Amino acid sequence: MMRERGTLRWIAGAMLWATFMIAHPAHPQNAEGDANLALVYGVQFVDSRITVDVVSFGCTDESNFAVKVEALPDALQLSIIQVKPDRCRMSPHIVSVTLNIPSVPKPDEAKFRLVNKLAIPNLRLRPAR
């Protein structure tokens, strides 16, 4: 009788674990379907480039990010996607990375809508070198 209870508990636990694993994807996506949208602490447009402030652990540079542009009826939807994580172990700090915006028709007249979430920085900016 005791052995049956232990087996039933194990089976119930395994079923609960399996349900959780199926219900929660390993790489959750936002409503737009883009995984890994970078959390942005500042944005600046200059010509056909965008400079964004992001959190770094010591190894973040432009190669960690990609810019995605999609046309909407009233604007261009711009997403900054983190394609490679920063696996360094330095204390977190904010760095600026400058990325090229893919070519768009009439860039001087273009209106952009940033998809990424904006955050208020509570980390220190890395001092200029």
Protein backbone atom coordinates (compact mmCIF):
# COMPACT_ATOMS: atom_id res chain seq x y z
CA MET A 1 0.00 0.00 0.00
CA MET A 2 2.84 2.44 0.87
CA ARG A 3 4.69 1.58 -2.31
CA GLU A 4 1.58 2.32 -4.41
CA ARG A 5 1.24 5.80 -2.84
CA GLY A 6 4.87 6.58 -3.63
CA THR A 7 4.39 5.45 -7.21
CA LEU A 8 1.19 7.48 -7.56
CA ARG A 9 2.94 10.59 -6.19
CA TRP A 10 5.81 10.09 -8.62
CA ILE A 11 3.39 9.68 -11.56
CA ALA A 12 1.40 12.76 -10.49
CA GLY A 13 4.61 14.78 -10.17
CA ALA A 14 5.82 13.64 -13.59
CA MET A 15 2.47 14.58 -15.14
CA LEU A 16 2.60 18.00 -13.49
CA TRP A 17 6.16 18.54 -14.75
CA ALA A 18 5.21 17.45 -18.30
CA THR A 19 2.21 19.81 -18.28
CA PHE A 20 4.42 22.71 -17.18
CA MET A 21 7.05 21.97 -19.84
CA ILE A 22 4.43 21.84 -22.60
CA ALA A 23 2.63 25.00 -21.43
CA HIS A 24 5.78 27.16 -21.10
CA PRO A 25 8.09 27.33 -24.12
CA ALA A 26 11.82 27.32 -23.51
CA HIS A 27 12.20 30.59 -25.45
CA PRO A 28 9.10 32.69 -24.79
CA GLN A 29 8.11 35.17 -27.46
CA ASN A 30 6.28 38.45 -27.23
CA ALA A 31 2.98 39.16 -29.00
CA GLU A 32 4.75 40.06 -32.25
CA GLY A 33 6.53 36.70 -32.29
CA ASP A 34 10.07 38.12 -31.99
CA ALA A 35 12.17 36.45 -29.34
CA ASN A 36 14.95 38.44 -27.70
CA LEU A 37 13.83 42.02 -28.21
CA ALA A 38 16.49 44.09 -26.46
CA LEU A 39 15.46 46.24 -23.50
CA VAL A 40 16.47 49.75 -24.55
CA TYR A 41 17.55 52.55 -22.18
CA GLY A 42 17.96 55.26 -24.80
CA VAL A 43 17.56 55.80 -28.55
CA GLN A 44 19.05 58.27 -30.99
CA PHE A 45 18.67 58.41 -34.78
CA VAL A 46 21.48 59.85 -36.89
CA ASP A 47 21.14 59.60 -40.67
CA SER A 48 20.65 55.92 -41.52
CA ARG A 49 21.94 54.68 -38.17
CA ILE A 50 20.40 54.17 -34.75
CA THR A 51 22.27 54.35 -31.46
CA VAL A 52 20.70 52.43 -28.59
CA ASP A 53 21.71 52.20 -24.94
CA VAL A 54 21.57 48.62 -23.64
CA VAL A 55 22.83 46.67 -20.63
CA SER A 56 26.22 45.03 -21.01
CA PHE A 57 28.10 42.54 -18.88
CA GLY A 58 31.39 43.38 -20.56
CA CYS A 59 31.25 41.87 -24.04
CA THR A 60 28.35 43.67 -25.73
CA ASP A 61 28.99 45.24 -29.10
CA GLU A 62 27.20 45.84 -32.41
CA SER A 63 27.54 42.19 -33.44
CA ASN A 64 25.15 41.20 -30.63
CA PHE A 65 22.21 42.99 -32.29
CA ALA A 66 20.21 43.13 -35.51
CA VAL A 67 17.77 45.76 -36.75
CA LYS A 68 14.48 44.61 -38.27
CA VAL A 69 12.20 47.00 -40.21
CA GLU A 70 8.65 46.16 -41.26
CA ALA A 71 6.32 48.44 -43.20
CA LEU A 72 3.01 49.40 -41.59
CA PRO A 73 0.34 51.57 -43.20
CA ASP A 74 1.33 54.69 -41.24
CA ALA A 75 4.95 54.03 -40.19
CA LEU A 76 7.90 51.68 -40.27
CA GLN A 77 8.06 49.26 -37.36
CA LEU A 78 11.62 49.06 -36.02
CA SER A 79 12.85 46.25 -33.75
CA ILE A 80 16.27 45.90 -32.11
CA ILE A 81 16.83 42.17 -31.67
CA GLN A 82 19.56 40.68 -29.50
CA VAL A 83 20.95 37.85 -31.63
CA LYS A 84 23.83 36.87 -29.34
CA PRO A 85 23.82 37.09 -25.51
CA ASP A 86 26.60 38.78 -23.55
CA ARG A 87 28.06 35.96 -21.44
CA CYS A 88 30.79 37.97 -19.74
CA ARG A 89 30.77 38.39 -15.97
CA MET A 90 31.46 42.09 -15.49
CA SER A 91 28.99 44.04 -13.36
CA PRO A 92 26.06 45.24 -15.48
CA HIS A 93 26.39 48.70 -17.00
CA ILE A 94 24.84 50.59 -19.89
CA VAL A 95 26.68 50.91 -23.20
CA SER A 96 25.74 52.56 -26.48
CA VAL A 97 25.79 50.54 -29.68
CA THR A 98 25.32 52.05 -33.12
CA LEU A 99 23.56 49.97 -35.75
CA ASN A 100 22.77 50.50 -39.42
CA ILE A 101 19.09 50.78 -40.27
CA PRO A 102 18.22 48.75 -43.39
CA SER A 103 17.56 50.98 -46.38
CA VAL A 104 14.03 52.37 -46.53
CA PRO A 105 12.29 54.41 -49.22
CA LYS A 106 12.41 58.19 -48.58
CA PRO A 107 14.47 57.98 -45.37
CA ASP A 108 14.11 61.73 -44.68
CA GLU A 109 10.32 61.37 -44.52
CA ALA A 110 10.21 58.00 -42.74
CA LYS A 111 8.34 57.65 -39.46
CA PHE A 112 9.51 54.85 -37.19
CA ARG A 113 7.64 53.01 -34.45
CA LEU A 114 10.01 51.29 -31.99
CA VAL A 115 8.75 47.88 -30.86
CA ASN A 116 11.28 47.42 -28.03
CA LYS A 117 10.42 48.31 -24.46
CA LEU A 118 12.08 51.42 -23.07
CA ALA A 119 13.43 51.40 -19.53
CA ILE A 120 14.63 54.03 -17.09
CA PRO A 121 18.31 53.45 -16.41
CA ASN A 122 19.23 52.71 -12.82
CA LEU A 123 22.65 51.45 -13.87
CA ARG A 124 25.70 53.60 -14.46
CA LEU A 125 26.84 54.44 -17.95
CA ARG A 126 30.21 53.01 -18.77
CA PRO A 127 32.76 55.82 -18.70
CA ALA A 128 34.09 56.97 -22.06
CA ARG A 129 37.47 55.50 -22.97
